[in-house]
Amino acid sequence: MRHRHGVARSLVVLFAFTASTGVAAAQQSEISSSLTQIEEFVATTLGQIGVIVFLVGAAVWFVSRRSADRAQWGWRGMWGGAGMIVLSVSYNVFVGLFENLAPGMIVPVLP
């Protein structure tokens, strides 16, 4: 009788472990999907804002005429927008690099 209780208890523990790892794998997939969407949003937004700032800065710089203050702000806007565009591209490269490196570093939950 004691032997049957041990087998039943082992089966319950095995079932609970299997169910919990399945849930953990599903949550990991959902988290990974959410992080990918956030990363794409940040990169796209940064690039688009960079283009807008660059174009507005260029417009201010070109129409500044003799106003040194407007020319300076236009020049800063152009460089700031260009920097945001470069940052957006380098962000994509940086995230892509770590997405390719990370699978080898993370121990899988289920083989």
PDB file of N, CA and C in Angstrom:
ATOM      1  N   MET A   1       0.812  -1.175   0.000  1.00  0.00           N
ATOM      2  CA  MET A   1       0.000   0.000   0.000  1.00  0.00           C
ATOM      3  C   MET A   1       0.873   1.263   0.000  1.00  0.00           C
ATOM      4  N   ARG A   2       1.920   1.261   0.776  1.00  0.00           N
ATOM      5  CA  ARG A   2       2.810   2.390   0.891  1.00  0.00           C
ATOM      6  C   ARG A   2       3.497   2.670  -0.461  1.00  0.00           C
ATOM      7  N   HIS A   3       3.784   1.617  -1.184  1.00  0.00           N
ATOM      8  CA  HIS A   3       4.438   1.741  -2.472  1.00  0.00           C
ATOM      9  C   HIS A   3       3.527   2.469  -3.476  1.00  0.00           C
ATOM     10  N   ARG A   4       2.246   2.215  -3.445  1.00  0.00           N
ATOM     11  CA  ARG A   4       1.297   2.855  -4.369  1.00  0.00           C
ATOM     12  C   ARG A   4       1.182   4.350  -4.094  1.00  0.00           C
ATOM     13  N   HIS A   5       1.222   4.725  -2.826  1.00  0.00           N
ATOM     14  CA  HIS A   5       1.160   6.144  -2.491  1.00  0.00           C
ATOM     15  C   HIS A   5       2.410   6.864  -3.007  1.00  0.00           C
ATOM     16  N   GLY A   6       3.554   6.230  -2.931  1.00  0.00           N
ATOM     17  CA  GLY A   6       4.804   6.821  -3.422  1.00  0.00           C
ATOM     18  C   GLY A   6       4.770   7.007  -4.930  1.00  0.00           C
ATOM     19  N   VAL A   7       4.228   6.016  -5.648  1.00  0.00           N
ATOM     20  CA  VAL A   7       4.116   6.106  -7.107  1.00  0.00           C
ATOM     21  C   VAL A   7       3.120   7.200  -7.478  1.00  0.00           C
ATOM     22  N   ALA A   8       2.010   7.248  -6.799  1.00  0.00           N
ATOM     23  CA  ALA A   8       1.002   8.278  -7.077  1.00  0.00           C
ATOM     24  C   ALA A   8       1.575   9.669  -6.799  1.00  0.00           C
ATOM     25  N   ARG A   9       2.274   9.802  -5.704  1.00  0.00           N
ATOM     26  CA  ARG A   9       2.872  11.091  -5.354  1.00  0.00           C
ATOM     27  C   ARG A   9       3.914  11.488  -6.412  1.00  0.00           C
ATOM     28  N   SER A  10       4.707  10.536  -6.864  1.00  0.00           N
ATOM     29  CA  SER A  10       5.714  10.820  -7.896  1.00  0.00           C
ATOM     30  C   SER A  10       5.063  11.244  -9.203  1.00  0.00           C
ATOM     31  N   LEU A  11       3.963  10.593  -9.556  1.00  0.00           N
ATOM     32  CA  LEU A  11       3.250  10.959 -10.775  1.00  0.00           C
ATOM     33  C   LEU A  11       2.656  12.371 -10.679  1.00  0.00           C
ATOM     34  N   VAL A  12       2.122  12.700  -9.513  1.00  0.00           N
ATOM     35  CA  VAL A  12       1.566  14.035  -9.314  1.00  0.00           C
ATOM     36  C   VAL A  12       2.673  15.084  -9.423  1.00  0.00           C
ATOM     37  N   VAL A  13       3.823  14.833  -8.810  1.00  0.00           N
ATOM     38  CA  VAL A  13       4.946  15.770  -8.871  1.00  0.00           C
ATOM     39  C   VAL A  13       5.436  15.904 -10.313  1.00  0.00           C
ATOM     40  N   LEU A  14       5.555  14.794 -11.029  1.00  0.00           N
ATOM     41  CA  LEU A  14       5.996  14.823 -12.417  1.00  0.00           C
ATOM     42  C   LEU A  14       5.013  15.599 -13.292  1.00  0.00           C
ATOM     43  N   PHE A  15       3.725  15.380 -13.090  1.00  0.00           N
ATOM     44  CA  PHE A  15       2.699  16.096 -13.854  1.00  0.00           C
ATOM     45  C   PHE A  15       2.748  17.595 -13.551  1.00  0.00           C
ATOM     46  N   ALA A  16       2.882  17.944 -12.281  1.00  0.00           N
ATOM     47  CA  ALA A  16       2.947  19.363 -11.894  1.00  0.00           C
ATOM     48  C   ALA A  16       4.182  20.029 -12.499  1.00  0.00           C
ATOM     49  N   PHE A  17       5.311  19.333 -12.482  1.00  0.00           N
ATOM     50  CA  PHE A  17       6.540  19.884 -13.060  1.00  0.00           C
ATOM     51  C   PHE A  17       6.387  20.087 -14.564  1.00  0.00           C
ATOM     52  N   THR A  18       5.813  19.117 -15.245  1.00  0.00           N
ATOM     53  CA  THR A  18       5.615  19.210 -16.688  1.00  0.00           C
ATOM     54  C   THR A  18       4.660  20.349 -17.027  1.00  0.00           C
ATOM     55  N   ALA A  19       3.582  20.480 -16.264  1.00  0.00           N
ATOM     56  CA  ALA A  19       2.622  21.553 -16.515  1.00  0.00           C
ATOM     57  C   ALA A  19       3.256  22.913 -16.268  1.00  0.00           C
ATOM     58  N   SER A  20       4.047  23.025 -15.206  1.00  0.00           N
ATOM     59  CA  SER A  20       4.654  24.327 -14.899  1.00  0.00           C
ATOM     60  C   SER A  20       5.704  24.708 -15.930  1.00  0.00           C
ATOM     61  N   THR A  21       6.473  23.766 -16.461  1.00  0.00           N
ATOM     62  CA  THR A  21       7.455  24.104 -17.489  1.00  0.00           C
ATOM     63  C   THR A  21       6.760  24.477 -18.791  1.00  0.00           C
ATOM     64  N   GLY A  22       5.616  23.851 -19.076  1.00  0.00           N
ATOM     65  CA  GLY A  22       4.848  24.222 -20.267  1.00  0.00           C
ATOM     66  C   GLY A  22       4.325  25.639 -20.164  1.00  0.00           C
ATOM     67  N   VAL A  23       3.844  26.003 -18.990  1.00  0.00           N
ATOM     68  CA  VAL A  23       3.358  27.370 -18.761  1.00  0.00           C
ATOM     69  C   VAL A  23       4.512  28.350 -18.845  1.00  0.00           C
ATOM     70  N   ALA A  24       5.655  27.983 -18.273  1.00  0.00           N
ATOM     71  CA  ALA A  24       6.822  28.867 -18.317  1.00  0.00           C
ATOM     72  C   ALA A  24       7.289  29.080 -19.755  1.00  0.00           C
ATOM     73  N   ALA A  25       7.266  28.029 -20.561  1.00  0.00           N
ATOM     74  CA  ALA A  25       7.679  28.160 -21.959  1.00  0.00           C
ATOM     75  C   ALA A  25       6.708  29.061 -22.722  1.00  0.00           C
ATOM     76  N   ALA A  26       5.403  28.925 -22.444  1.00  0.00           N
ATOM     77  CA  ALA A  26       4.413  29.775 -23.099  1.00  0.00           C
ATOM     78  C   ALA A  26       4.588  31.230 -22.679  1.00  0.00           C
ATOM     79  N   GLN A  27       4.853  31.463 -21.394  1.00  0.00           N
ATOM     80  CA  GLN A  27       5.067  32.831 -20.919  1.00  0.00           C
ATOM     81  C   GLN A  27       6.344  33.422 -21.525  1.00  0.00           C
ATOM     82  N   GLN A  28       7.381  32.610 -21.649  1.00  0.00           N
ATOM     83  CA  GLN A  28       8.631  33.087 -22.238  1.00  0.00           C
ATOM     84  C   GLN A  28       8.409  33.494 -23.687  1.00  0.00           C
ATOM     85  N   SER A  29       7.629  32.716 -24.416  1.00  0.00           N
ATOM     86  CA  SER A  29       7.337  33.043 -25.810  1.00  0.00           C
ATOM     87  C   SER A  29       6.542  34.346 -25.898  1.00  0.00           C
ATOM     88  N   GLU A  30       5.581  34.518 -25.005  1.00  0.00           N
ATOM     89  CA  GLU A  30       4.766  35.730 -24.996  1.00  0.00           C
ATOM     90  C   GLU A  30       5.610  36.959 -24.638  1.00  0.00           C
ATOM     91  N   ILE A  31       6.487  36.805 -23.663  1.00  0.00           N
ATOM     92  CA  ILE A  31       7.371  37.903 -23.264  1.00  0.00           C
ATOM     93  C   ILE A  31       8.309  38.254 -24.410  1.00  0.00           C
ATOM     94  N   SER A  32       8.850  37.242 -25.070  1.00  0.00           N
ATOM     95  CA  SER A  32       9.752  37.477 -26.196  1.00  0.00           C
ATOM     96  C   SER A  32       9.041  38.225 -27.326  1.00  0.00           C
ATOM     97  N   SER A  33       7.811  37.846 -27.590  1.00  0.00           N
ATOM     98  CA  SER A  33       7.023  38.516 -28.618  1.00  0.00           C
ATOM     99  C   SER A  33       6.759  39.971 -28.246  1.00  0.00           C
ATOM    100  N   SER A  34       6.423  40.212 -26.983  1.00  0.00           N
ATOM    101  CA  SER A  34       6.164  41.580 -26.524  1.00  0.00           C
ATOM    102  C   SER A  34       7.422  42.429 -26.614  1.00  0.00           C
ATOM    103  N   LEU A  35       8.564  41.868 -26.218  1.00  0.00           N
ATOM    104  CA  LEU A  35       9.822  42.619 -26.281  1.00  0.00           C
ATOM    105  C   LEU A  35      10.206  42.940 -27.720  1.00  0.00           C
ATOM    106  N   THR A  36       9.934  42.020 -28.630  1.00  0.00           N
ATOM    107  CA  THR A  36      10.220  42.262 -30.039  1.00  0.00           C
ATOM    108  C   THR A  36       9.370  43.411 -30.571  1.00  0.00           C
ATOM    109  N   GLN A  37       8.097  43.444 -30.181  1.00  0.00           N
ATOM    110  CA  GLN A  37       7.214  44.527 -30.614  1.00  0.00           C
ATOM    111  C   GLN A  37       7.669  45.868 -30.041  1.00  0.00           C
ATOM    112  N   ILE A  38       8.084  45.880 -28.784  1.00  0.00           N
ATOM    113  CA  ILE A  38       8.569  47.112 -28.162  1.00  0.00           C
ATOM    114  C   ILE A  38       9.839  47.590 -28.856  1.00  0.00           C
ATOM    115  N   GLU A  39      10.740  46.658 -29.142  1.00  0.00           N
ATOM    116  CA  GLU A  39      11.997  47.005 -29.809  1.00  0.00           C
ATOM    117  C   GLU A  39      11.739  47.591 -31.190  1.00  0.00           C
ATOM    118  N   GLU A  40      10.822  47.008 -31.945  1.00  0.00           N
ATOM    119  CA  GLU A  40      10.498  47.521 -33.272  1.00  0.00           C
ATOM    120  C   GLU A  40       9.872  48.909 -33.184  1.00  0.00           C
ATOM    121  N   PHE A  41       9.006  49.116 -32.196  1.00  0.00           N
ATOM    122  CA  PHE A  41       8.367  50.412 -32.003  1.00  0.00           C
ATOM    123  C   PHE A  41       9.394  51.490 -31.672  1.00  0.00           C
ATOM    124  N   VAL A  42      10.309  51.182 -30.758  1.00  0.00           N
ATOM    125  CA  VAL A  42      11.322  52.158 -30.352  1.00  0.00           C
ATOM    126  C   VAL A  42      12.220  52.517 -31.534  1.00  0.00           C
ATOM    127  N   ALA A  43      12.678  51.517 -32.265  1.00  0.00           N
ATOM    128  CA  ALA A  43      13.579  51.778 -33.396  1.00  0.00           C
ATOM    129  C   ALA A  43      12.873  52.587 -34.483  1.00  0.00           C
ATOM    130  N   THR A  44      11.649  52.225 -34.800  1.00  0.00           N
ATOM    131  CA  THR A  44      10.900  52.935 -35.836  1.00  0.00           C
ATOM    132  C   THR A  44      10.613  54.368 -35.411  1.00  0.00           C
ATOM    133  N   THR A  45      10.159  54.545 -34.179  1.00  0.00           N
ATOM    134  CA  THR A  45       9.838  55.885 -33.681  1.00  0.00           C
ATOM    135  C   THR A  45      11.076  56.765 -33.650  1.00  0.00           C
ATOM    136  N   LEU A  46      12.181  56.228 -33.176  1.00  0.00           N
ATOM    137  CA  LEU A  46      13.422  56.992 -33.110  1.00  0.00           C
ATOM    138  C   LEU A  46      13.868  57.431 -34.501  1.00  0.00           C
ATOM    139  N   GLY A  47      13.785  56.544 -35.462  1.00  0.00           N
ATOM    140  CA  GLY A  47      14.171  56.883 -36.831  1.00  0.00           C
ATOM    141  C   GLY A  47      13.255  57.927 -37.448  1.00  0.00           C
ATOM    142  N   GLN A  48      11.935  57.780 -37.231  1.00  0.00           N
ATOM    143  CA  GLN A  48      10.990  58.727 -37.808  1.00  0.00           C
ATOM    144  C   GLN A  48      11.132  60.110 -37.177  1.00  0.00           C
ATOM    145  N   ILE A  49      11.293  60.163 -35.868  1.00  0.00           N
ATOM    146  CA  ILE A  49      11.474  61.458 -35.204  1.00  0.00           C
ATOM    147  C   ILE A  49      12.791  62.088 -35.667  1.00  0.00           C
ATOM    148  N   GLY A  50      13.818  61.257 -35.857  1.00  0.00           N
ATOM    149  CA  GLY A  50      15.092  61.766 -36.360  1.00  0.00           C
ATOM    150  C   GLY A  50      14.953  62.409 -37.728  1.00  0.00           C
ATOM    151  N   VAL A  51      14.199  61.780 -38.614  1.00  0.00           N
ATOM    152  CA  VAL A  51      13.988  62.343 -39.953  1.00  0.00           C
ATOM    153  C   VAL A  51      13.219  63.662 -39.848  1.00  0.00           C
ATOM    154  N   ILE A  52      12.195  63.700 -39.010  1.00  0.00           N
ATOM    155  CA  ILE A  52      11.404  64.923 -38.851  1.00  0.00           C
ATOM    156  C   ILE A  52      12.261  66.055 -38.290  1.00  0.00           C
ATOM    157  N   VAL A  53      13.042  65.770 -37.248  1.00  0.00           N
ATOM    158  CA  VAL A  53      13.898  66.797 -36.646  1.00  0.00           C
ATOM    159  C   VAL A  53      14.940  67.274 -37.649  1.00  0.00           C
ATOM    160  N   PHE A  54      15.502  66.354 -38.423  1.00  0.00           N
ATOM    161  CA  PHE A  54      16.485  66.731 -39.438  1.00  0.00           C
ATOM    162  C   PHE A  54      15.867  67.660 -40.479  1.00  0.00           C
ATOM    163  N   LEU A  55      14.671  67.313 -40.978  1.00  0.00           N
ATOM    164  CA  LEU A  55      14.029  68.131 -42.006  1.00  0.00           C
ATOM    165  C   LEU A  55      13.609  69.496 -41.476  1.00  0.00           C
ATOM    166  N   VAL A  56      13.079  69.544 -40.256  1.00  0.00           N
ATOM    167  CA  VAL A  56      12.701  70.826 -39.660  1.00  0.00           C
ATOM    168  C   VAL A  56      13.951  71.674 -39.429  1.00  0.00           C
ATOM    169  N   GLY A  57      15.021  71.062 -38.939  1.00  0.00           N
ATOM    170  CA  GLY A  57      16.268  71.789 -38.737  1.00  0.00           C
ATOM    171  C   GLY A  57      16.830  72.326 -40.037  1.00  0.00           C
ATOM    172  N   ALA A  58      16.755  71.512 -41.088  1.00  0.00           N
ATOM    173  CA  ALA A  58      17.245  71.967 -42.395  1.00  0.00           C
ATOM    174  C   ALA A  58      16.407  73.133 -42.907  1.00  0.00           C
ATOM    175  N   ALA A  59      15.088  73.038 -42.729  1.00  0.00           N
ATOM    176  CA  ALA A  59      14.215  74.123 -43.172  1.00  0.00           C
ATOM    177  C   ALA A  59      14.516  75.412 -42.407  1.00  0.00           C
ATOM    178  N   VAL A  60      14.690  75.313 -41.096  1.00  0.00           N
ATOM    179  CA  VAL A  60      14.998  76.497 -40.290  1.00  0.00           C
ATOM    180  C   VAL A  60      16.343  77.069 -40.699  1.00  0.00           C
ATOM    181  N   TRP A  61      17.315  76.213 -40.954  1.00  0.00           N
ATOM    182  CA  TRP A  61      18.642  76.680 -41.331  1.00  0.00           C
ATOM    183  C   TRP A  61      18.625  77.381 -42.698  1.00  0.00           C
ATOM    184  N   PHE A  62      17.856  76.801 -43.655  1.00  0.00           N
ATOM    185  CA  PHE A  62      17.830  77.381 -44.994  1.00  0.00           C
ATOM    186  C   PHE A  62      17.061  78.699 -45.049  1.00  0.00           C
ATOM    187  N   VAL A  63      16.072  78.886 -44.199  1.00  0.00           N
ATOM    188  CA  VAL A  63      15.278  80.119 -44.237  1.00  0.00           C
ATOM    189  C   VAL A  63      15.722  81.129 -43.179  1.00  0.00           C
ATOM    190  N   SER A  64      16.831  80.889 -42.532  1.00  0.00           N
ATOM    191  CA  SER A  64      17.257  81.753 -41.434  1.00  0.00           C
ATOM    192  C   SER A  64      17.726  83.135 -41.895  1.00  0.00           C
ATOM    193  N   ARG A  65      18.118  83.262 -43.142  1.00  0.00           N
ATOM    194  CA  ARG A  65      18.642  84.511 -43.707  1.00  0.00           C
ATOM    195  C   ARG A  65      19.767  85.061 -42.848  1.00  0.00           C
ATOM    196  N   ARG A  66      19.549  86.207 -42.232  1.00  0.00           N
ATOM    197  CA  ARG A  66      20.634  86.832 -41.473  1.00  0.00           C
ATOM    198  C   ARG A  66      20.515  86.597 -39.973  1.00  0.00           C
ATOM    199  N   SER A  67      19.556  85.823 -39.549  1.00  0.00           N
ATOM    200  CA  SER A  67      19.385  85.569 -38.116  1.00  0.00           C
ATOM    201  C   SER A  67      20.321  84.443 -37.683  1.00  0.00           C
ATOM    202  N   ALA A  68      21.345  84.804 -36.966  1.00  0.00           N
ATOM    203  CA  ALA A  68      22.333  83.814 -36.516  1.00  0.00           C
ATOM    204  C   ALA A  68      21.716  82.840 -35.516  1.00  0.00           C
ATOM    205  N   ASP A  69      20.770  83.342 -34.733  1.00  0.00           N
ATOM    206  CA  ASP A  69      20.133  82.484 -33.731  1.00  0.00           C
ATOM    207  C   ASP A  69      19.333  81.373 -34.412  1.00  0.00           C
ATOM    208  N   ARG A  70      18.532  81.738 -35.423  1.00  0.00           N
ATOM    209  CA  ARG A  70      17.764  80.714 -36.140  1.00  0.00           C
ATOM    210  C   ARG A  70      18.679  79.760 -36.903  1.00  0.00           C
ATOM    211  N   ALA A  71      19.728  80.282 -37.485  1.00  0.00           N
ATOM    212  CA  ALA A  71      20.674  79.425 -38.215  1.00  0.00           C
ATOM    213  C   ALA A  71      21.328  78.436 -37.266  1.00  0.00           C
ATOM    214  N   GLN A  72      21.657  78.901 -36.072  1.00  0.00           N
ATOM    215  CA  GLN A  72      22.279  78.009 -35.091  1.00  0.00           C
ATOM    216  C   GLN A  72      21.320  76.911 -34.664  1.00  0.00           C
ATOM    217  N   TRP A  73      20.065  77.270 -34.400  1.00  0.00           N
ATOM    218  CA  TRP A  73      19.083  76.258 -34.012  1.00  0.00           C
ATOM    219  C   TRP A  73      18.787  75.285 -35.152  1.00  0.00           C
ATOM    220  N   GLY A  74      18.760  75.812 -36.379  1.00  0.00           N
ATOM    221  CA  GLY A  74      18.557  74.936 -37.530  1.00  0.00           C
ATOM    222  C   GLY A  74      19.704  73.947 -37.693  1.00  0.00           C
ATOM    223  N   TRP A  75      20.924  74.453 -37.523  1.00  0.00           N
ATOM    224  CA  TRP A  75      22.101  73.599 -37.626  1.00  0.00           C
ATOM    225  C   TRP A  75      22.088  72.524 -36.548  1.00  0.00           C
ATOM    226  N   ARG A  76      21.745  72.928 -35.325  1.00  0.00           N
ATOM    227  CA  ARG A  76      21.647  71.956 -34.223  1.00  0.00           C
ATOM    228  C   ARG A  76      20.556  70.924 -34.492  1.00  0.00           C
ATOM    229  N   GLY A  77      19.441  71.380 -35.048  1.00  0.00           N
ATOM    230  CA  GLY A  77      18.363  70.449 -35.383  1.00  0.00           C
ATOM    231  C   GLY A  77      18.784  69.440 -36.435  1.00  0.00           C
ATOM    232  N   MET A  78      19.504  69.916 -37.434  1.00  0.00           N
ATOM    233  CA  MET A  78      19.979  68.997 -38.475  1.00  0.00           C
ATOM    234  C   MET A  78      20.911  67.945 -37.884  1.00  0.00           C
ATOM    235  N   TRP A  79      21.862  68.393 -37.067  1.00  0.00           N
ATOM    236  CA  TRP A  79      22.794  67.439 -36.467  1.00  0.00           C
ATOM    237  C   TRP A  79      22.088  66.526 -35.471  1.00  0.00           C
ATOM    238  N   GLY A  80      21.148  67.066 -34.727  1.00  0.00           N
ATOM    239  CA  GLY A  80      20.401  66.236 -33.780  1.00  0.00           C
ATOM    240  C   GLY A  80      19.570  65.178 -34.489  1.00  0.00           C
ATOM    241  N   GLY A  81      18.903  65.584 -35.571  1.00  0.00           N
ATOM    242  CA  GLY A  81      18.122  64.619 -36.351  1.00  0.00           C
ATOM    243  C   GLY A  81      18.998  63.555 -36.981  1.00  0.00           C
ATOM    244  N   ALA A  82      20.144  63.983 -37.514  1.00  0.00           N
ATOM    245  CA  ALA A  82      21.073  63.008 -38.101  1.00  0.00           C
ATOM    246  C   ALA A  82      21.582  62.047 -37.027  1.00  0.00           C
ATOM    247  N   GLY A  83      21.850  62.578 -35.846  1.00  0.00           N
ATOM    248  CA  GLY A  83      22.290  61.712 -34.739  1.00  0.00           C
ATOM    249  C   GLY A  83      21.217  60.706 -34.345  1.00  0.00           C
ATOM    250  N   MET A  84      19.948  61.143 -34.351  1.00  0.00           N
ATOM    251  CA  MET A  84      18.862  60.220 -34.011  1.00  0.00           C
ATOM    252  C   MET A  84      18.715  59.123 -35.062  1.00  0.00           C
ATOM    253  N   ILE A  85      18.917  59.481 -36.322  1.00  0.00           N
ATOM    254  CA  ILE A  85      18.850  58.472 -37.388  1.00  0.00           C
ATOM    255  C   ILE A  85      19.974  57.451 -37.224  1.00  0.00           C
ATOM    256  N   VAL A  86      21.181  57.935 -36.961  1.00  0.00           N
ATOM    257  CA  VAL A  86      22.318  57.033 -36.746  1.00  0.00           C
ATOM    258  C   VAL A  86      22.070  56.171 -35.518  1.00  0.00           C
ATOM    259  N   LEU A  87      21.529  56.771 -34.458  1.00  0.00           N
ATOM    260  CA  LEU A  87      21.224  56.016 -33.244  1.00  0.00           C
ATOM    261  C   LEU A  87      20.175  54.939 -33.514  1.00  0.00           C
ATOM    262  N   SER A  88      19.184  55.250 -34.333  1.00  0.00           N
ATOM    263  CA  SER A  88      18.154  54.272 -34.681  1.00  0.00           C
ATOM    264  C   SER A  88      18.755  53.078 -35.412  1.00  0.00           C
ATOM    265  N   VAL A  89      19.632  53.350 -36.372  1.00  0.00           N
ATOM    266  CA  VAL A  89      20.261  52.265 -37.132  1.00  0.00           C
ATOM    267  C   VAL A  89      21.177  51.447 -36.229  1.00  0.00           C
ATOM    268  N   SER A  90      21.974  52.128 -35.409  1.00  0.00           N
ATOM    269  CA  SER A  90      22.882  51.392 -34.526  1.00  0.00           C
ATOM    270  C   SER A  90      22.111  50.616 -33.461  1.00  0.00           C
ATOM    271  N   TYR A  91      20.965  51.134 -33.042  1.00  0.00           N
ATOM    272  CA  TYR A  91      20.103  50.411 -32.100  1.00  0.00           C
ATOM    273  C   TYR A  91      19.629  49.101 -32.731  1.00  0.00           C
ATOM    274  N   ASN A  92      19.207  49.158 -33.995  1.00  0.00           N
ATOM    275  CA  ASN A  92      18.782  47.938 -34.696  1.00  0.00           C
ATOM    276  C   ASN A  92      19.920  46.936 -34.794  1.00  0.00           C
ATOM    277  N   VAL A  93      21.117  47.416 -35.098  1.00  0.00           N
ATOM    278  CA  VAL A  93      22.281  46.531 -35.202  1.00  0.00           C
ATOM    279  C   VAL A  93      22.603  45.920 -33.843  1.00  0.00           C
ATOM    280  N   PHE A  94      22.577  46.748 -32.795  1.00  0.00           N
ATOM    281  CA  PHE A  94      22.876  46.300 -31.440  1.00  0.00           C
ATOM    282  C   PHE A  94      21.876  45.233 -30.974  1.00  0.00           C
ATOM    283  N   VAL A  95      20.595  45.478 -31.176  1.00  0.00           N
ATOM    284  CA  VAL A  95      19.574  44.514 -30.763  1.00  0.00           C
ATOM    285  C   VAL A  95      19.679  43.237 -31.595  1.00  0.00           C
ATOM    286  N   GLY A  96      19.914  43.376 -32.896  1.00  0.00           N
ATOM    287  CA  GLY A  96      20.071  42.194 -33.748  1.00  0.00           C
ATOM    288  C   GLY A  96      21.262  41.348 -33.339  1.00  0.00           C
ATOM    289  N   LEU A  97      22.343  42.003 -32.949  1.00  0.00           N
ATOM    290  CA  LEU A  97      23.530  41.281 -32.494  1.00  0.00           C
ATOM    291  C   LEU A  97      23.209  40.453 -31.252  1.00  0.00           C
ATOM    292  N   PHE A  98      22.538  41.071 -30.288  1.00  0.00           N
ATOM    293  CA  PHE A  98      22.238  40.344 -29.062  1.00  0.00           C
ATOM    294  C   PHE A  98      21.132  39.315 -29.239  1.00  0.00           C
ATOM    295  N   GLU A  99      20.230  39.512 -30.192  1.00  0.00           N
ATOM    296  CA  GLU A  99      19.233  38.480 -30.478  1.00  0.00           C
ATOM    297  C   GLU A  99      19.911  37.242 -31.057  1.00  0.00           C
ATOM    298  N   ASN A 100      20.974  37.448 -31.843  1.00  0.00           N
ATOM    299  CA  ASN A 100      21.693  36.317 -32.430  1.00  0.00           C
ATOM    300  C   ASN A 100      22.632  35.650 -31.425  1.00  0.00           C
ATOM    301  N   LEU A 101      23.145  36.414 -30.460  1.00  0.00           N
ATOM    302  CA  LEU A 101      24.047  35.847 -29.459  1.00  0.00           C
ATOM    303  C   LEU A 101      23.294  35.184 -28.306  1.00  0.00           C
ATOM    304  N   ALA A 102      22.157  35.741 -27.937  1.00  0.00           N
ATOM    305  CA  ALA A 102      21.438  35.304 -26.736  1.00  0.00           C
ATOM    306  C   ALA A 102      20.978  33.841 -26.772  1.00  0.00           C
ATOM    307  N   PRO A 103      20.487  33.297 -27.902  1.00  0.00           N
ATOM    308  CA  PRO A 103      20.032  31.902 -27.848  1.00  0.00           C
ATOM    309  C   PRO A 103      21.110  30.916 -27.422  1.00  0.00           C
ATOM    310  N   GLY A 104      22.354  31.197 -27.712  1.00  0.00           N
ATOM    311  CA  GLY A 104      23.426  30.310 -27.280  1.00  0.00           C
ATOM    312  C   GLY A 104      23.758  30.449 -25.813  1.00  0.00           C
ATOM    313  N   MET A 105      23.387  31.571 -25.213  1.00  0.00           N
ATOM    314  CA  MET A 105      23.711  31.812 -23.811  1.00  0.00           C
ATOM    315  C   MET A 105      22.614  31.356 -22.850  1.00  0.00           C
ATOM    316  N   ILE A 106      21.396  31.338 -23.320  1.00  0.00           N
ATOM    317  CA  ILE A 106      20.269  31.000 -22.452  1.00  0.00           C
ATOM    318  C   ILE A 106      20.080  29.488 -22.413  1.00  0.00           C
ATOM    319  N   VAL A 107      19.960  28.955 -21.214  1.00  0.00           N
ATOM    320  CA  VAL A 107      19.736  27.518 -21.045  1.00  0.00           C
ATOM    321  C   VAL A 107      18.264  27.245 -21.345  1.00  0.00           C
ATOM    322  N   PRO A 108      17.963  26.358 -22.294  1.00  0.00           N
ATOM    323  CA  PRO A 108      16.551  26.116 -22.632  1.00  0.00           C
ATOM    324  C   PRO A 108      15.802  25.434 -21.480  1.00  0.00           C
ATOM    325  N   VAL A 109      14.522  25.789 -21.343  1.00  0.00           N
ATOM    326  CA  VAL A 109      13.686  25.195 -20.313  1.00  0.00           C
ATOM    327  C   VAL A 109      13.325  23.774 -20.684  1.00  0.00           C
ATOM    328  N   LEU A 110      12.926  23.590 -21.936  1.00  0.00           N
ATOM    329  CA  LEU A 110      12.587  22.255 -22.427  1.00  0.00           C
ATOM    330  C   LEU A 110      13.507  21.929 -23.603  1.00  0.00           C
ATOM    331  N   PRO A 111      14.087  20.717 -23.632  1.00  0.00           N
ATOM    332  CA  PRO A 111      14.992  20.365 -24.737  1.00  0.00           C
ATOM    333  C   PRO A 111      14.268  20.198 -26.041  1.00  0.00           C
TER     334      PRO A 111
END
